[in-house]
Amino acid sequence: MVFVNEAWNDTDQIVVYSNYHKYWLDKERRIKNPLFDVFSGKILDLKEGKAQAIKYFYNLLTQEICEDVTICVVPSSNKDNKYSGRPN
């Protein structure tokens, strides 16, 4: 078992909390996306490594994951990404 919610363990579907909506509809013309919300902002903050976003998602997920489950994150293979798993 991985998830506290047993129904999530028995599905082959991806479980989502919310959808990410990009900030800009058209960055060049400075048109913001009206669907951009707090959750989407938290994802951008997480991407930037902001402590409050890490804590937010930790608190969100810790309630959903069973004890003694290890989560592994594989870094980006994009060599230009500062969080890449590739050596510079």
Protein backbone atom coordinates (compact mmCIF):
# COMPACT_ATOMS: atom_id res chain seq x y z
CA MET A 1 0.00 0.00 0.00
CA VAL A 2 1.21 3.44 -0.93
CA PHE A 3 -1.82 5.65 -0.39
CA VAL A 4 -4.00 6.03 2.69
CA ASN A 5 -7.03 6.20 0.37
CA GLU A 6 -7.30 2.56 -0.71
CA ALA A 7 -9.18 3.47 -3.90
CA TRP A 8 -6.06 5.28 -5.13
CA ASN A 9 -4.03 2.08 -4.73
CA ASP A 10 -6.36 0.17 -7.03
CA THR A 11 -6.47 2.60 -9.94
CA ASP A 12 -4.32 2.81 -13.02
CA GLN A 13 -5.24 6.50 -13.35
CA ILE A 14 -3.08 9.41 -12.27
CA VAL A 15 -4.43 11.00 -9.10
CA VAL A 16 -4.39 14.81 -9.15
CA TYR A 17 -5.22 17.48 -6.60
CA SER A 18 -5.64 20.24 -9.12
CA ASN A 19 -4.50 21.32 -12.55
CA TYR A 20 -1.57 23.62 -13.24
CA HIS A 21 -2.43 26.73 -15.24
CA LYS A 22 0.45 28.69 -16.72
CA TYR A 23 0.83 32.32 -15.65
CA TRP A 24 1.00 33.93 -19.09
CA LEU A 25 -1.35 33.31 -21.99
CA ASP A 26 0.88 35.54 -24.11
CA LYS A 27 4.06 36.69 -22.39
CA GLU A 28 5.13 39.04 -25.18
CA ARG A 29 1.84 40.95 -25.05
CA ARG A 30 1.70 40.62 -21.22
CA ILE A 31 -1.64 38.78 -21.19
CA LYS A 32 -2.06 36.92 -17.91
CA ASN A 33 -4.00 33.67 -17.73
CA PRO A 34 -7.29 34.19 -15.85
CA LEU A 35 -7.17 30.52 -14.79
CA PHE A 36 -3.87 30.97 -12.93
CA ASP A 37 -4.68 30.23 -9.29
CA VAL A 38 -3.05 29.77 -5.87
CA PHE A 39 -2.28 26.08 -6.54
CA SER A 40 -0.53 26.98 -9.79
CA GLY A 41 1.45 29.64 -7.94
CA LYS A 42 2.49 27.08 -5.32
CA ILE A 43 3.79 24.82 -8.10
CA LEU A 44 5.92 27.68 -9.46
CA ASP A 45 7.18 28.40 -5.94
CA LEU A 46 8.04 24.71 -5.51
CA LYS A 47 9.93 24.75 -8.80
CA GLU A 48 11.99 27.66 -7.43
CA GLY A 49 12.70 25.70 -4.24
CA LYS A 50 10.88 28.12 -1.92
CA ALA A 51 10.62 26.71 1.60
CA GLN A 52 6.97 27.66 2.11
CA ALA A 53 5.97 25.75 -1.05
CA ILE A 54 7.97 22.69 -0.01
CA LYS A 55 6.21 22.77 3.36
CA TYR A 56 2.81 23.25 1.66
CA PHE A 57 3.20 20.20 -0.57
CA TYR A 58 4.79 18.15 2.21
CA ASN A 59 1.80 18.83 4.45
CA LEU A 60 -0.58 18.08 1.60
CA LEU A 61 1.04 14.77 0.66
CA THR A 62 2.05 13.48 4.08
CA GLN A 63 -1.63 12.93 4.88
CA GLU A 64 -2.10 10.83 1.74
CA ILE A 65 0.99 8.60 1.78
CA CYS A 66 1.21 5.55 4.06
CA GLU A 67 4.00 5.34 6.60
CA ASP A 68 7.26 3.68 5.56
CA VAL A 69 6.82 4.59 1.87
CA THR A 70 9.83 6.10 0.15
CA ILE A 71 9.33 8.71 -2.56
CA CYS A 72 12.09 9.27 -5.07
CA VAL A 73 12.31 12.30 -7.35
CA VAL A 74 14.34 11.98 -10.53
CA PRO A 75 15.99 15.27 -11.52
CA SER A 76 15.61 16.78 -14.96
CA SER A 77 18.01 15.60 -17.64
CA ASN A 78 18.01 19.09 -19.15
CA LYS A 79 21.65 20.20 -18.97
CA ASP A 80 20.57 23.86 -18.74
CA ASN A 81 18.38 23.21 -15.69
CA LYS A 82 20.17 24.07 -12.43
CA TYR A 83 18.36 21.11 -10.82
CA SER A 84 19.55 18.69 -13.49
CA GLY A 85 20.96 15.29 -12.56
CA ARG A 86 23.67 15.71 -15.18
CA PRO A 87 27.10 17.02 -14.21
CA ASN A 88 27.90 20.49 -15.59
